[in-house]
Amino acid sequence: MDQVLDLDFEKVEFQQYVDQSQLEDWVKSVLKHLKIKKGGVSLLIVSPEYIQKLNHQYLGKDYPTDVLSFSQIEGENIPDHGFLGDLVICLDIAREQAMNAGHSLLDELKYLVLHGILHLMGYDHDPAESGEMTQLEKAVYYKLSGEIIE
């Protein structure tokens, strides 16, 4: 599989907190598990201020969030180029969530990447789906990591 993760940082100092190799391996595992033979994502690690601007601009919500997903998939088809879309993760929120949950920043980033990829594939937090997305992400996370994450 070609490069599956294009990782960038709003601020250079954010690089010290993120292991690109482990995240790329994680994305490969997630895509393989989801039976996506050709695919990739871009990931931008940002500050709360940056993600709040995006959240406001694109979703009309004027507060920072942990992850945003911008899909390149329309309908059921994955494009020929295999690019699924863009993920934006707020480093500070990910760190806080990891600390509150009692697991590592890497585990939190993996969970947020998985969550974001599911959004890129069209899954949503639709109450009519009876928590299908949440159940799927927890099952995939456990299958790939051996860890239960809440």
Protein backbone atom coordinates (compact mmCIF):
# COMPACT_ATOMS: atom_id res chain seq x y z
CA MET A 1 0.00 0.00 0.00
CA ASP A 2 1.28 3.46 -0.85
CA GLN A 3 1.55 6.25 1.69
CA VAL A 4 -1.69 6.27 3.63
CA LEU A 5 -1.02 9.24 5.91
CA ASP A 6 -0.01 12.75 4.99
CA LEU A 7 0.73 14.33 8.37
CA ASP A 8 1.18 18.05 8.95
CA PHE A 9 1.26 20.37 11.95
CA GLU A 10 -0.07 23.86 12.51
CA LYS A 11 2.92 24.52 14.78
CA VAL A 12 6.35 22.93 14.48
CA GLU A 13 6.50 22.22 18.22
CA PHE A 14 3.50 19.87 17.90
CA GLN A 15 5.73 17.36 16.09
CA GLN A 16 7.41 16.28 19.32
CA TYR A 17 4.14 14.80 20.60
CA VAL A 18 3.24 12.70 17.57
CA ASP A 19 4.91 9.54 16.28
CA GLN A 20 4.21 9.63 12.54
CA SER A 21 5.37 6.05 11.98
CA GLN A 22 2.99 4.61 14.59
CA LEU A 23 0.08 6.69 13.29
CA GLU A 24 0.78 5.62 9.70
CA ASP A 25 0.87 1.95 10.78
CA TRP A 26 -2.41 2.53 12.60
CA VAL A 27 -4.07 4.07 9.52
CA LYS A 28 -2.88 1.12 7.41
CA SER A 29 -4.38 -1.32 9.92
CA VAL A 30 -7.68 0.57 10.09
CA LEU A 31 -8.02 0.76 6.30
CA LYS A 32 -7.15 -2.91 5.91
CA HIS A 33 -9.67 -3.88 8.59
CA LEU A 34 -12.33 -1.77 6.88
CA LYS A 35 -11.45 -3.50 3.58
CA ILE A 36 -10.23 -0.35 1.87
CA LYS A 37 -7.56 -1.60 -0.49
CA LYS A 38 -6.49 1.78 -1.82
CA GLY A 39 -6.88 4.78 0.42
CA GLY A 40 -5.25 7.46 2.43
CA VAL A 41 -5.95 10.47 4.57
CA SER A 42 -4.33 13.73 5.41
CA LEU A 43 -4.05 14.66 9.07
CA LEU A 44 -3.43 18.13 10.41
CA ILE A 45 -2.61 18.55 14.12
CA VAL A 46 -3.74 21.96 15.37
CA SER A 47 -4.43 24.25 18.32
CA PRO A 48 -7.86 24.83 19.89
CA GLU A 49 -8.07 28.24 18.22
CA TYR A 50 -7.45 26.78 14.77
CA ILE A 51 -9.97 23.96 15.08
CA GLN A 52 -12.55 26.34 16.56
CA LYS A 53 -12.28 28.53 13.44
CA LEU A 54 -12.80 25.50 11.20
CA ASN A 55 -15.67 24.20 13.34
CA HIS A 56 -17.35 27.61 13.11
CA GLN A 57 -16.66 28.08 9.41
CA TYR A 58 -17.81 24.65 8.23
CA LEU A 59 -20.27 23.45 10.88
CA GLY A 60 -21.51 26.72 12.39
CA LYS A 61 -20.33 25.65 15.87
CA ASP A 62 -18.25 28.29 17.62
CA TYR A 63 -16.19 26.12 19.96
CA PRO A 64 -13.13 23.88 19.69
CA THR A 65 -13.64 20.16 19.15
CA ASP A 66 -11.36 17.12 19.17
CA VAL A 67 -11.59 16.05 15.52
CA LEU A 68 -13.08 17.27 12.26
CA SER A 69 -13.43 15.20 9.09
CA PHE A 70 -13.71 16.49 5.55
CA SER A 71 -14.61 13.62 3.25
CA GLN A 72 -13.72 13.25 -0.43
CA ILE A 73 -16.08 10.31 -0.80
CA GLU A 74 -19.45 10.82 -2.42
CA GLY A 75 -22.06 8.13 -2.08
CA GLU A 76 -20.82 4.59 -1.66
CA ASN A 77 -17.73 4.86 -3.87
CA ILE A 78 -14.14 5.41 -2.83
CA PRO A 79 -12.51 7.60 -5.48
CA ASP A 80 -10.00 6.11 -7.92
CA HIS A 81 -7.17 8.13 -6.41
CA GLY A 82 -7.89 6.50 -3.04
CA PHE A 83 -7.86 9.75 -1.07
CA LEU A 84 -10.57 9.53 1.58
CA GLY A 85 -10.28 13.06 2.92
CA ASP A 86 -8.82 15.35 5.54
CA LEU A 87 -8.75 14.94 9.32
CA VAL A 88 -8.01 17.78 11.70
CA ILE A 89 -7.22 16.92 15.33
CA CYS A 90 -6.74 19.37 18.18
CA LEU A 91 -3.63 18.34 20.10
CA ASP A 92 -4.59 20.07 23.36
CA ILE A 93 -8.04 18.48 23.45
CA ALA A 94 -6.59 15.07 22.58
CA ARG A 95 -4.07 15.41 25.44
CA GLU A 96 -6.79 16.42 27.89
CA GLN A 97 -9.06 13.56 26.83
CA ALA A 98 -6.19 11.08 27.12
CA MET A 99 -5.35 12.30 30.61
CA ASN A 100 -9.01 12.19 31.72
CA ALA A 101 -9.41 8.68 30.32
CA GLY A 102 -6.15 7.43 31.81
CA HIS A 103 -4.49 6.37 28.59
CA SER A 104 -1.66 7.68 26.41
CA LEU A 105 -1.82 10.53 23.93
CA LEU A 106 -0.97 8.02 21.19
CA ASP A 107 -3.99 5.89 22.14
CA GLU A 108 -6.22 8.96 22.02
CA LEU A 109 -4.83 10.03 18.65
CA LYS A 110 -5.41 6.52 17.29
CA TYR A 111 -8.99 6.59 18.52
CA LEU A 112 -9.60 10.04 17.02
CA VAL A 113 -8.06 8.97 13.70
CA LEU A 114 -10.30 5.88 13.63
CA HIS A 115 -13.31 8.04 14.53
CA GLY A 116 -12.39 10.49 11.78
CA ILE A 117 -11.90 7.77 9.16
CA LEU A 118 -15.35 6.38 9.94
CA HIS A 119 -16.76 9.87 9.37
CA LEU A 120 -14.85 10.07 6.08
CA MET A 121 -16.57 6.84 5.06
CA GLY A 122 -19.99 8.29 5.78
CA TYR A 123 -20.70 7.10 9.31
CA ASP A 124 -22.33 9.64 11.58
CA HIS A 125 -23.65 10.08 15.10
CA ASP A 126 -27.20 9.63 13.87
CA PRO A 127 -29.40 8.62 16.82
CA ALA A 128 -31.52 6.58 14.40
CA GLU A 129 -28.52 4.26 13.92
CA SER A 130 -28.68 3.20 17.60
CA GLY A 131 -25.04 4.06 18.22
CA GLU A 132 -23.82 1.98 15.26
CA MET A 133 -20.79 4.22 14.68
CA THR A 134 -19.73 4.14 18.34
CA GLN A 135 -20.11 0.37 18.51
CA LEU A 136 -18.10 -0.07 15.29
CA GLU A 137 -15.26 2.21 16.39
CA LYS A 138 -14.95 0.50 19.76
CA ALA A 139 -14.97 -2.94 18.12
CA VAL A 140 -12.37 -1.95 15.51
CA TYR A 141 -10.19 -0.27 18.11
CA TYR A 142 -10.26 -3.35 20.32
CA LYS A 143 -9.64 -5.72 17.40
CA LEU A 144 -6.60 -3.74 16.22
CA SER A 145 -5.09 -2.70 19.55
CA GLY A 146 -6.33 -5.25 22.07
CA GLU A 147 -7.37 -2.32 24.24
CA ILE A 148 -10.81 -1.20 25.34
CA ILE A 149 -11.23 2.52 24.98
CA GLU A 150 -14.10 4.65 26.24
